[in-house]
Amino acid sequence: MTRVTHEVTNQVPPLVDHDVAADPALLDGLHRGGAAWAEPELRELGALAGTARVQDLGRLANVHPPVLHTHDRYGHRVDEVEFHPAWHELMTTAVRHGLHAAPWRDDRPGAHVARAAKFYVWSQAEAGHGCPISMTYAAVPALRASPGLAARFEPLLASREYDFGLRAPEGKRGLIAGMSMTEKQGGSDVRANTTRAVPAGDGYLLTGHKWFTSAPMSDVFLTLAQAPGGLSCFLVPRVLPDGTRNALFLQRLKDKLGNKSNASAEVEYDGAVGWLVGEEGRGVRTIIEMVNMTRLDCVLGSAAGMRSGLTQATHHAAHRKAFGAYLVDQPAMRNVLADLAVESEAATTAALWLAGNRSRLGLAVTKYWVCKRGPAHAAEALECLGGNGYVEDSGLPRLFRESPLMSIWEGSGNVAALDVLRALGRSPAAVEEFFAELDAARGADRRLDAAVDALKGELADVTDLEVRARRLVERMALALQGALLVRYGHPAVADAFCASRLSGDWGVAFGTLPRGVDFGAIVERGLPKP
């Protein structure tokens, strides 16, 4: 006789077949940015991202990370990175939907906002492959510093065909771009780079060691090297026009905390051919546009991670009972979920606004703050699931490991904060534009008005600016988020944000919103929709 030893009860159903794009803050930002025309495709992508099959693709791409093959079986140098088929399928979908560079060839209003919304949605399926997608997007404006190179490669970079494999770039149906900037002795201090570039023929020969090269199987890379005229930017192909391999040798892949699906390599240039982008000696100025674009995607990636963690936490709480009631109905948990939702909506609203407005100072402060908030948000979302969130099957450990990357990539905290200080000192127009956005919300909420007035007072004090840099940038970011939520956000979210983040009626951990907040309305916005 078979005995039933236990019956499985009170377990949460899988979060599958939901529309990732059914996100009120996202859809509001899409319409506000003039990209309502993109909603059908966005919803199609959102439905796909929520399927069990795509979720499994994300899992497979991370449990089977890329493998470096430096030589073939006969001893020939090949320098190839092998990816799981799941990676290629995720990349194919991203490119087909234009997440990589299509907006540069699309003159419809809101094209970049539409692309940002799709990047945000598809990043929730799997974050790692967003790296080469983001770099391809960011490479185009930098490449335009050399019209001849842009004419050759921009149509292929913006193509909606993912054509993987090492072949001559101009013989492929589509291209992916990477970055190869930092070196072991300098990191973010790229002016300390020692890679040399010597003029040769119609290009340059580059020799040096790059410490972090993202997506080393990309077709072309933007890289920095010291030319006779100073630090300069170059476009380096993996394969030369005649079909021979360029002299780029992959030394090893980095064993990273997260971002496991994406390869990051150390690369040796041994007389690698590169073509000058822009002018000699103006490498940083040439590359800054690429940096700004990838910083935008850092904000989008962090906001996407927050939304993913929030939907998993609210889904769990809506189906899990403890002490006789569903978690979502219990006051302590409702406070946590609402706090997570407020943080998520503030990040999403700012990210979509930045995609359409290109505020130089707004981007810098938001990159610093939103990306800093990602790890704390992921940790709290994971804790909402208790022990179930701590196991790999839930997907939340992967989200947690991924969360610090956006704060490190394209300038970690101090780099971003110091960049804001430079902009404050050198770009009066950017400062005026920033405060014009804050002042547009003047009179709508007294707590926001008080925070903006206090911020102006702090910025008027120029003593010890570097010591105060992070504090100032944090307050600038919160004021911007508050202004955007007051003008465009849901009233309950805006009220909770101003009460907690701006007026100080808040604790240190998530779940410390004050009494009087409309918890029900806020939590409802965070629940996944079928």
Protein backbone atom coordinates (compact mmCIF):
# COMPACT_ATOMS: atom_id res chain seq x y z
CA MET A 1 0.00 0.00 0.00
CA THR A 2 1.40 3.40 -1.07
CA ARG A 3 1.45 5.96 1.69
CA VAL A 4 1.32 9.70 0.96
CA THR A 5 4.00 11.15 3.17
CA HIS A 6 3.20 14.74 2.43
CA GLU A 7 1.05 16.95 0.30
CA VAL A 8 2.52 20.08 -1.26
CA THR A 9 0.49 23.10 -0.18
CA ASN A 10 1.02 26.83 0.19
CA GLN A 11 3.62 26.90 -2.57
CA VAL A 12 3.53 29.76 -5.07
CA PRO A 13 2.70 28.98 -8.71
CA PRO A 14 5.42 29.79 -11.26
CA LEU A 15 5.46 33.36 -12.50
CA VAL A 16 4.99 32.56 -16.19
CA ASP A 17 2.86 33.78 -19.08
CA HIS A 18 2.64 37.31 -17.76
CA ASP A 19 3.16 40.49 -19.77
CA VAL A 20 6.44 42.04 -18.63
CA ALA A 21 5.48 45.23 -20.49
CA ALA A 22 2.25 45.62 -18.47
CA ASP A 23 4.07 48.07 -16.26
CA PRO A 24 2.16 51.31 -15.61
CA ALA A 25 5.23 53.51 -15.12
CA LEU A 26 6.81 52.09 -18.27
CA LEU A 27 3.73 52.56 -20.46
CA ASP A 28 3.16 56.06 -19.14
CA GLY A 29 6.76 56.96 -19.99
CA LEU A 30 6.43 55.43 -23.45
CA HIS A 31 3.39 57.56 -24.28
CA ARG A 32 4.82 60.67 -22.67
CA GLY A 33 7.97 60.27 -24.77
CA GLY A 34 6.02 60.32 -28.03
CA ALA A 35 6.41 56.60 -28.69
CA ALA A 36 2.86 55.32 -28.35
CA TRP A 37 3.25 53.89 -31.84
CA ALA A 38 5.68 51.32 -30.39
CA GLU A 39 3.30 49.87 -27.80
CA PRO A 40 2.09 46.90 -29.90
CA GLU A 41 5.64 45.70 -30.49
CA LEU A 42 6.55 46.42 -26.87
CA ARG A 43 3.62 44.34 -25.64
CA GLU A 44 4.60 41.54 -28.03
CA LEU A 45 8.11 41.57 -26.58
CA GLY A 46 6.73 41.75 -23.04
CA ALA A 47 4.53 38.70 -23.58
CA LEU A 48 7.50 36.81 -25.00
CA ALA A 49 9.74 37.80 -22.08
CA GLY A 50 7.18 36.41 -19.64
CA THR A 51 7.00 32.94 -21.16
CA ALA A 52 8.45 29.87 -19.46
CA ARG A 53 10.53 29.15 -22.54
CA VAL A 54 12.30 32.52 -22.56
CA GLN A 55 12.83 32.33 -18.82
CA ASP A 56 14.54 29.00 -19.42
CA LEU A 57 16.72 30.56 -22.12
CA GLY A 58 17.92 33.06 -19.55
CA ARG A 59 18.68 30.26 -17.10
CA LEU A 60 20.55 28.17 -19.66
CA ALA A 61 22.66 31.11 -20.84
CA ASN A 62 23.87 31.58 -17.27
CA VAL A 63 24.38 27.98 -16.13
CA HIS A 64 26.33 27.32 -19.34
CA PRO A 65 28.62 30.38 -19.48
CA PRO A 66 30.85 31.18 -22.47
CA VAL A 67 34.01 29.14 -22.96
CA LEU A 68 37.26 30.46 -24.41
CA HIS A 69 39.11 28.40 -27.04
CA THR A 70 42.51 29.91 -27.69
CA HIS A 71 43.71 27.15 -30.06
CA ASP A 72 42.17 24.49 -32.26
CA ARG A 73 43.01 20.79 -32.02
CA TYR A 74 46.01 21.24 -34.31
CA GLY A 75 47.61 24.05 -32.34
CA HIS A 76 46.48 26.94 -34.50
CA ARG A 77 45.53 30.12 -32.67
CA VAL A 78 41.76 30.71 -33.03
CA ASP A 79 40.76 33.00 -30.11
CA GLU A 80 37.09 32.09 -30.20
CA VAL A 81 34.46 32.17 -27.47
CA GLU A 82 31.77 29.51 -27.55
CA PHE A 83 28.29 30.45 -26.33
CA HIS A 84 25.31 28.28 -25.46
CA PRO A 85 22.55 28.33 -28.12
CA ALA A 86 20.29 30.11 -25.60
CA TRP A 87 22.58 33.16 -25.79
CA HIS A 88 22.26 33.34 -29.54
CA GLU A 89 18.49 33.06 -29.38
CA LEU A 90 18.28 35.89 -26.88
CA MET A 91 20.59 38.01 -29.03
CA THR A 92 18.57 37.24 -32.15
CA THR A 93 15.37 38.48 -30.52
CA ALA A 94 17.05 41.63 -29.19
CA VAL A 95 18.49 42.52 -32.59
CA ARG A 96 15.29 41.65 -34.47
CA HIS A 97 13.41 44.11 -32.27
CA GLY A 98 16.01 46.83 -32.81
CA LEU A 99 17.30 47.09 -29.24
CA HIS A 100 20.88 47.38 -30.47
CA ALA A 101 20.95 50.36 -32.85
CA ALA A 102 17.77 50.64 -34.89
CA PRO A 103 16.77 54.09 -33.54
CA TRP A 104 19.75 55.68 -35.27
CA ARG A 105 18.10 54.82 -38.59
CA ASP A 106 14.54 55.64 -37.49
CA ASP A 107 13.43 59.28 -37.64
CA ARG A 108 10.04 58.73 -36.01
CA PRO A 109 9.43 60.84 -32.88
CA GLY A 110 10.21 58.87 -29.74
CA ALA A 111 12.39 56.27 -31.50
CA HIS A 112 14.96 56.28 -28.69
CA VAL A 113 12.26 56.13 -26.01
CA ALA A 114 10.72 53.13 -27.79
CA ARG A 115 14.09 51.44 -27.89
CA ALA A 116 14.68 52.19 -24.18
CA ALA A 117 11.32 50.66 -23.26
CA LYS A 118 12.07 47.51 -25.24
CA PHE A 119 15.57 47.26 -23.74
CA TYR A 120 14.01 47.57 -20.25
CA VAL A 121 11.49 44.81 -20.95
CA TRP A 122 13.82 42.36 -22.65
CA SER A 123 16.55 42.87 -20.01
CA GLN A 124 14.16 41.29 -17.53
CA ALA A 125 14.34 38.07 -19.54
CA GLU A 126 18.15 37.95 -19.23
CA ALA A 127 20.48 40.82 -18.39
CA GLY A 128 23.90 39.64 -19.57
CA HIS A 129 23.31 39.79 -23.31
CA GLY A 130 22.24 43.41 -22.85
CA CYS A 131 25.94 44.31 -22.68
CA PRO A 132 26.80 43.88 -26.40
CA ILE A 133 23.34 45.18 -27.32
CA SER A 134 24.01 48.34 -25.34
CA MET A 135 27.52 48.83 -26.71
CA THR A 136 26.30 48.50 -30.28
CA TYR A 137 23.68 51.17 -29.59
CA ALA A 138 26.32 53.44 -28.07
CA ALA A 139 28.94 52.91 -30.79
CA VAL A 140 27.00 54.63 -33.56
CA PRO A 141 27.14 58.25 -32.31
CA ALA A 142 30.84 57.86 -31.51
CA LEU A 143 31.53 56.45 -34.97
CA ARG A 144 29.91 59.48 -36.57
CA ALA A 145 33.00 61.47 -35.59
CA SER A 146 34.48 59.84 -38.72
CA PRO A 147 31.86 60.09 -41.49
CA GLY A 148 33.70 57.64 -43.74
CA LEU A 149 33.68 54.90 -41.12
CA ALA A 150 30.08 55.67 -40.21
CA ALA A 151 29.03 55.33 -43.85
CA ARG A 152 30.73 51.94 -44.05
CA PHE A 153 29.55 50.41 -40.80
CA GLU A 154 26.48 52.19 -39.45
CA PRO A 155 23.98 50.43 -41.76
CA LEU A 156 25.36 47.06 -40.65
CA LEU A 157 25.39 48.04 -36.97
CA ALA A 158 21.73 49.07 -37.26
CA SER A 159 20.71 45.98 -39.23
CA ARG A 160 18.05 43.81 -37.60
CA GLU A 161 19.90 40.60 -38.41
CA TYR A 162 22.11 38.91 -35.85
CA ASP A 163 24.92 37.30 -37.83
CA PHE A 164 27.28 35.59 -35.38
CA GLY A 165 30.72 34.41 -36.44
CA LEU A 166 34.19 35.67 -37.27
CA ARG A 167 34.05 36.96 -40.85
CA ALA A 168 35.02 40.20 -42.58
CA PRO A 169 32.59 42.83 -41.25
CA GLU A 170 31.43 44.15 -44.59
CA GLY A 171 30.56 40.64 -45.73
CA LYS A 172 28.07 40.09 -42.88
CA ARG A 173 24.36 40.85 -42.67
CA GLY A 174 24.69 42.66 -39.35
CA LEU A 175 27.35 43.69 -36.85
CA ILE A 176 27.75 43.85 -33.08
CA ALA A 177 30.13 46.36 -31.46
CA GLY A 178 32.16 46.07 -28.27
CA MET A 179 34.35 48.30 -26.10
CA SER A 180 37.97 47.82 -25.16
CA MET A 181 39.00 50.76 -23.01
CA THR A 182 40.42 49.99 -19.57
CA GLU A 183 43.88 48.71 -18.73
CA LYS A 184 45.24 47.06 -15.62
CA GLN A 185 47.28 50.03 -14.44
CA GLY A 186 44.52 52.62 -14.75
CA GLY A 187 40.97 51.30 -14.81
CA SER A 188 38.66 54.29 -15.12
CA ASP A 189 41.69 56.58 -15.49
CA VAL A 190 41.89 55.94 -19.22
CA ARG A 191 44.40 58.76 -19.74
CA ALA A 192 46.90 56.43 -18.05
CA ASN A 193 46.54 53.93 -20.91
CA THR A 194 49.79 52.58 -22.31
CA THR A 195 48.54 50.87 -25.48
CA ARG A 196 50.39 52.46 -28.43
CA ALA A 197 49.06 53.24 -31.90
CA VAL A 198 51.54 53.70 -34.75
CA PRO A 199 50.38 55.05 -38.15
CA ALA A 200 50.62 52.41 -40.88
CA GLY A 201 49.04 52.61 -44.32
CA ASP A 202 45.43 53.76 -44.12
CA GLY A 203 45.21 52.94 -40.40
CA TYR A 204 47.27 52.33 -37.29
CA LEU A 205 48.89 49.34 -35.62
CA LEU A 206 47.95 48.95 -31.96
CA THR A 207 50.07 47.18 -29.35
CA GLY A 208 49.06 46.77 -25.71
CA HIS A 209 47.01 44.86 -23.16
CA LYS A 210 43.36 45.60 -22.40
CA TRP A 211 42.19 44.54 -18.93
CA PHE A 212 38.44 44.46 -19.64
CA THR A 213 37.10 43.92 -23.15
CA SER A 214 33.36 43.42 -23.09
CA ALA A 215 31.85 40.89 -25.50
CA PRO A 216 35.14 39.84 -27.17
CA MET A 217 33.35 38.03 -30.00
CA SER A 218 31.93 41.30 -31.30
CA ASP A 219 32.72 42.27 -34.88
CA VAL A 220 34.27 45.67 -34.15
CA PHE A 221 35.52 47.44 -31.04
CA LEU A 222 35.97 51.03 -30.04
CA THR A 223 39.23 51.28 -28.18
CA LEU A 224 41.65 53.89 -26.83
CA ALA A 225 45.37 54.03 -27.53
CA GLN A 226 48.21 56.55 -27.39
CA ALA A 227 48.84 57.88 -30.91
CA PRO A 228 51.59 60.39 -31.78
CA GLY A 229 49.08 63.19 -31.14
CA GLY A 230 47.88 61.83 -27.80
CA LEU A 231 45.15 59.52 -26.52
CA SER A 232 42.93 58.65 -29.47
CA CYS A 233 39.92 56.52 -30.33
CA PHE A 234 40.09 53.67 -32.85
CA LEU A 235 37.73 51.22 -34.49
CA VAL A 236 39.33 47.77 -34.36
CA PRO A 237 37.80 44.89 -36.37
CA ARG A 238 38.08 41.27 -35.22
CA VAL A 239 38.51 40.23 -38.85
CA LEU A 240 40.25 42.35 -41.47
CA PRO A 241 38.61 43.26 -44.81
CA ASP A 242 40.65 40.57 -46.59
CA GLY A 243 39.21 37.88 -44.28
CA THR A 244 42.30 37.34 -42.13
CA ARG A 245 42.11 37.53 -38.35
CA ASN A 246 43.25 40.77 -36.80
CA ALA A 247 46.05 40.53 -34.20
CA LEU A 248 43.74 40.42 -31.17
CA PHE A 249 44.63 37.59 -28.82
CA LEU A 250 42.25 36.61 -26.00
CA GLN A 251 44.28 35.83 -22.89
CA ARG A 252 41.49 34.72 -20.56
CA LEU A 253 37.85 35.33 -19.68
CA LYS A 254 37.07 37.05 -16.39
CA ASP A 255 35.39 34.92 -13.72
CA LYS A 256 32.81 37.47 -12.57
CA LEU A 257 30.40 37.78 -9.65
CA GLY A 258 27.45 37.99 -12.03
CA ASN A 259 26.82 38.72 -15.70
CA LYS A 260 27.84 35.09 -16.26
CA SER A 261 26.24 34.72 -19.67
CA ASN A 262 28.34 37.52 -21.13
CA ALA A 263 32.03 37.11 -21.86
CA SER A 264 34.52 39.69 -20.60
CA ALA A 265 38.11 39.17 -21.67
CA GLU A 266 41.68 40.31 -21.31
CA VAL A 267 42.96 41.03 -24.80
CA GLU A 268 46.46 41.47 -26.15
CA TYR A 269 46.92 43.69 -29.21
CA ASP A 270 50.07 42.71 -31.09
CA GLY A 271 50.10 45.08 -34.03
CA ALA A 272 46.31 44.98 -34.42
CA VAL A 273 44.91 47.13 -37.21
CA GLY A 274 42.72 50.03 -36.08
CA TRP A 275 41.11 52.95 -37.88
CA LEU A 276 41.15 56.40 -36.28
CA VAL A 277 37.77 57.67 -35.08
CA GLY A 278 37.72 61.46 -34.80
CA GLU A 279 41.00 63.30 -34.38
CA GLU A 280 44.27 62.27 -32.80
CA GLY A 281 44.52 63.37 -29.19
CA ARG A 282 40.74 63.70 -28.79
CA GLY A 283 39.98 60.12 -27.84
CA VAL A 284 38.14 60.87 -24.62
CA ARG A 285 36.03 63.57 -26.27
CA THR A 286 35.22 61.18 -29.11
CA ILE A 287 34.26 58.34 -26.81
CA ILE A 288 32.22 60.40 -24.33
CA GLU A 289 29.07 60.11 -26.43
CA MET A 290 29.36 56.32 -26.28
CA VAL A 291 29.86 56.52 -22.52
CA ASN A 292 26.72 58.63 -22.12
CA MET A 293 24.66 56.14 -24.13
CA THR A 294 25.88 53.18 -22.12
CA ARG A 295 25.28 55.10 -18.90
CA LEU A 296 21.67 55.48 -19.97
CA ASP A 297 21.50 51.71 -20.40
CA CYS A 298 23.00 51.27 -16.92
CA VAL A 299 20.03 53.20 -15.56
CA LEU A 300 17.62 51.19 -17.71
CA GLY A 301 19.27 47.92 -16.65
CA SER A 302 19.05 48.78 -12.95
CA ALA A 303 15.43 49.91 -13.33
CA ALA A 304 14.64 46.67 -15.17
CA GLY A 305 16.24 44.65 -12.37
CA MET A 306 14.15 46.51 -9.79
CA ARG A 307 10.96 45.86 -11.71
CA SER A 308 11.84 42.18 -12.08
CA GLY A 309 12.52 41.83 -8.36
CA LEU A 310 9.33 43.70 -7.51
CA THR A 311 7.10 41.53 -9.69
CA GLN A 312 8.58 38.36 -8.24
CA ALA A 313 8.15 39.66 -4.69
CA THR A 314 4.53 40.79 -5.18
CA HIS A 315 3.65 37.57 -7.02
CA HIS A 316 5.02 35.50 -4.15
CA ALA A 317 3.26 37.59 -1.51
CA ALA A 318 -0.06 37.36 -3.36
CA HIS A 319 0.03 33.54 -3.30
CA ARG A 320 1.83 32.66 -0.06
CA LYS A 321 0.05 32.44 3.30
CA ALA A 322 1.58 32.84 6.74
CA PHE A 323 -0.17 33.03 10.11
CA GLY A 324 -3.55 32.58 8.45
CA ALA A 325 -3.42 35.33 5.83
CA TYR A 326 -1.78 36.02 2.48
CA LEU A 327 1.50 37.90 2.86
CA VAL A 328 0.32 40.66 0.54
CA ASP A 329 -2.51 41.47 2.98
CA GLN A 330 -0.27 41.74 6.04
CA PRO A 331 0.70 45.32 6.99
CA ALA A 332 4.44 44.76 7.47
CA MET A 333 4.79 43.04 4.09
CA ARG A 334 2.59 45.63 2.37
CA ASN A 335 4.96 48.33 3.59
CA VAL A 336 7.97 46.47 2.17
CA LEU A 337 6.28 45.81 -1.17
CA ALA A 338 5.06 49.40 -1.48
CA ASP A 339 8.53 50.74 -0.68
CA LEU A 340 10.06 48.49 -3.32
CA ALA A 341 7.41 49.66 -5.78
CA VAL A 342 8.10 53.33 -5.09
CA GLU A 343 11.82 52.80 -5.68
CA SER A 344 11.11 50.88 -8.88
CA GLU A 345 8.69 53.43 -10.30
CA ALA A 346 11.02 56.33 -9.50
CA ALA A 347 13.83 54.56 -11.39
CA THR A 348 11.65 53.65 -14.36
CA THR A 349 10.14 57.12 -14.67
CA ALA A 350 13.57 58.75 -14.62
CA ALA A 351 15.05 56.25 -17.09
CA LEU A 352 12.31 56.77 -19.69
CA TRP A 353 12.52 60.54 -19.24
CA LEU A 354 16.27 60.45 -19.82
CA ALA A 355 15.84 58.37 -22.98
CA GLY A 356 13.80 61.18 -24.49
CA ASN A 357 15.50 64.25 -23.01
CA ARG A 358 19.25 63.51 -23.01
CA SER A 359 19.87 65.67 -19.95
CA ARG A 360 23.63 65.56 -19.43
CA LEU A 361 23.47 66.38 -15.73
CA GLY A 362 20.26 64.43 -15.18
CA LEU A 363 21.88 61.33 -16.65
CA ALA A 364 24.99 61.65 -14.49
CA VAL A 365 23.13 62.00 -11.19
CA THR A 366 20.59 59.30 -12.07
CA LYS A 367 23.26 56.86 -13.16
CA TYR A 368 24.94 57.30 -9.80
CA TRP A 369 21.82 56.93 -7.65
CA VAL A 370 19.61 54.41 -9.43
CA CYS A 371 22.50 52.01 -10.00
CA LYS A 372 23.49 52.35 -6.33
CA ARG A 373 19.97 51.40 -5.28
CA GLY A 374 19.89 48.22 -7.36
CA PRO A 375 21.69 45.84 -4.97
CA ALA A 376 19.69 46.93 -1.90
CA HIS A 377 16.46 46.57 -3.86
CA ALA A 378 17.41 43.10 -5.13
CA ALA A 379 18.34 41.94 -1.63
CA GLU A 380 15.01 43.07 -0.18
CA ALA A 381 13.01 41.54 -3.04
CA LEU A 382 14.84 38.26 -2.49
CA GLU A 383 14.05 38.38 1.22
CA CYS A 384 10.33 38.69 0.46
CA LEU A 385 10.53 35.07 -0.71
CA GLY A 386 12.45 33.98 2.38
CA GLY A 387 14.46 30.80 1.92
CA ASN A 388 12.70 30.15 -1.39
CA GLY A 389 14.32 33.30 -2.76
CA TYR A 390 17.77 32.22 -1.66
CA VAL A 391 17.86 29.15 -3.90
CA GLU A 392 18.91 29.33 -7.53
CA ASP A 393 15.62 27.93 -8.84
CA SER A 394 13.87 31.18 -7.96
CA GLY A 395 16.08 33.26 -10.26
CA LEU A 396 16.57 35.90 -7.59
CA PRO A 397 20.18 34.94 -6.74
CA ARG A 398 21.05 35.66 -10.38
CA LEU A 399 19.29 39.02 -10.14
CA PHE A 400 21.18 39.80 -6.93
CA ARG A 401 24.57 38.91 -8.43
CA GLU A 402 23.81 41.02 -11.48
CA SER A 403 22.73 44.08 -9.51
CA PRO A 404 26.13 45.65 -8.62
CA LEU A 405 27.36 45.66 -12.21
CA MET A 406 25.45 48.71 -13.40
CA SER A 407 27.01 50.85 -10.67
CA ILE A 408 30.51 49.69 -11.60
CA TRP A 409 30.16 49.81 -15.39
CA GLU A 410 30.89 53.16 -17.10
CA GLY A 411 32.24 54.79 -13.98
CA SER A 412 31.70 53.55 -10.44
CA GLY A 413 30.23 55.73 -7.70
CA ASN A 414 33.07 58.18 -7.16
CA VAL A 415 33.73 58.55 -10.89
CA ALA A 416 30.07 59.38 -11.50
CA ALA A 417 29.91 61.79 -8.56
CA LEU A 418 33.07 63.63 -9.62
CA ASP A 419 31.73 63.81 -13.15
CA VAL A 420 28.71 65.66 -11.77
CA LEU A 421 30.98 68.13 -9.96
CA ARG A 422 32.85 68.81 -13.21
CA ALA A 423 29.59 69.43 -15.03
CA LEU A 424 28.44 71.79 -12.30
CA GLY A 425 31.63 73.81 -12.70
CA ARG A 426 32.00 73.75 -16.47
CA SER A 427 28.50 73.56 -17.93
CA PRO A 428 26.26 76.39 -16.70
CA ALA A 429 23.72 75.54 -19.41
CA ALA A 430 23.44 71.96 -18.12
CA VAL A 431 22.90 73.23 -14.58
CA GLU A 432 20.25 75.67 -15.76
CA GLU A 433 18.49 72.91 -17.70
CA PHE A 434 18.55 70.61 -14.69
CA PHE A 435 17.00 73.12 -12.32
CA ALA A 436 14.46 74.18 -14.92
CA GLU A 437 13.14 70.61 -14.78
CA LEU A 438 12.91 70.77 -11.00
CA ASP A 439 11.28 74.19 -11.04
CA ALA A 440 8.65 72.97 -13.51
CA ALA A 441 7.15 71.04 -10.57
CA ARG A 442 7.26 74.07 -8.26
CA GLY A 443 4.13 74.44 -6.16
CA ALA A 444 2.84 70.91 -6.70
CA ASP A 445 4.25 69.49 -3.45
CA ARG A 446 5.65 71.50 -0.55
CA ARG A 447 8.08 68.71 0.40
CA LEU A 448 9.60 68.74 -3.06
CA ASP A 449 9.82 72.54 -3.01
CA ALA A 450 11.66 72.43 0.32
CA ALA A 451 14.07 69.76 -0.95
CA VAL A 452 14.89 71.77 -4.10
CA ASP A 453 15.45 74.94 -2.06
CA ALA A 454 17.76 73.07 0.31
CA LEU A 455 19.64 71.59 -2.64
CA LYS A 456 20.22 75.01 -4.18
CA GLY A 457 21.59 76.18 -0.85
CA GLU A 458 23.98 73.24 -0.64
CA LEU A 459 25.24 73.80 -4.18
CA ALA A 460 25.89 77.46 -3.42
CA ASP A 461 28.45 76.33 -0.84
CA VAL A 462 31.58 75.42 -2.81
CA THR A 463 33.71 74.35 0.16
CA ASP A 464 34.82 70.70 0.42
CA LEU A 465 32.87 69.74 -2.70
CA GLU A 466 34.69 66.46 -3.24
CA VAL A 467 34.09 65.41 0.36
CA ARG A 468 30.39 66.17 -0.11
CA ALA A 469 30.18 64.84 -3.67
CA ARG A 470 28.12 61.71 -3.05
CA ARG A 471 25.72 63.48 -0.71
CA LEU A 472 25.12 66.27 -3.24
CA VAL A 473 24.63 63.90 -6.15
CA GLU A 474 22.25 61.73 -4.14
CA ARG A 475 20.11 64.75 -3.29
CA MET A 476 20.14 65.95 -6.89
CA ALA A 477 18.97 62.53 -8.08
CA LEU A 478 16.21 62.34 -5.47
CA ALA A 479 15.01 65.85 -6.32
CA LEU A 480 14.87 64.96 -10.01
CA GLN A 481 12.98 61.73 -9.35
CA GLY A 482 10.61 63.57 -7.05
CA ALA A 483 9.93 66.28 -9.63
CA LEU A 484 9.22 63.71 -12.33
CA LEU A 485 6.90 61.68 -10.11
CA VAL A 486 5.01 64.75 -8.92
CA ARG A 487 4.46 65.85 -12.52
CA TYR A 488 3.90 62.50 -14.22
CA GLY A 489 3.61 59.67 -11.69
CA HIS A 490 0.72 58.05 -9.87
CA PRO A 491 -0.38 60.35 -7.00
CA ALA A 492 0.04 57.62 -4.35
CA VAL A 493 3.57 56.85 -5.55
CA ALA A 494 4.55 60.52 -5.73
CA ASP A 495 3.16 61.16 -2.24
CA ALA A 496 5.02 58.20 -0.74
CA PHE A 497 8.24 59.23 -2.50
CA CYS A 498 8.09 62.82 -1.27
CA ALA A 499 7.19 61.80 2.26
CA SER A 500 10.00 59.27 2.54
CA ARG A 501 12.87 60.20 0.21
CA LEU A 502 12.51 63.99 0.34
CA SER A 503 10.87 64.82 3.67
CA GLY A 504 12.75 62.21 5.69
CA ASP A 505 9.73 60.36 7.11
CA TRP A 506 11.47 57.08 6.41
CA GLY A 507 13.78 54.56 8.03
CA VAL A 508 16.98 53.09 6.66
CA ALA A 509 15.74 49.73 5.35
CA PHE A 510 12.94 49.17 2.85
CA GLY A 511 9.53 48.75 4.46
CA THR A 512 9.70 51.90 6.58
CA LEU A 513 7.23 54.12 4.73
CA PRO A 514 5.12 56.31 7.05
CA ARG A 515 1.51 55.86 8.04
CA GLY A 516 -1.00 57.38 5.66
CA VAL A 517 0.57 56.03 2.47
CA ASP A 518 -1.89 54.41 0.06
CA PHE A 519 -0.24 51.00 0.27
CA GLY A 520 -2.97 49.19 -1.64
CA ALA A 521 -2.80 51.39 -4.74
CA ILE A 522 0.99 51.23 -4.87
CA VAL A 523 1.27 47.46 -4.39
CA GLU A 524 -1.39 46.84 -7.02
CA ARG A 525 0.79 48.62 -9.60
CA GLY A 526 3.61 46.20 -8.82
CA LEU A 527 1.66 43.00 -9.36
CA PRO A 528 2.44 41.10 -12.60
CA LYS A 529 -0.38 41.11 -15.13
CA PRO A 530 -1.36 38.16 -17.36
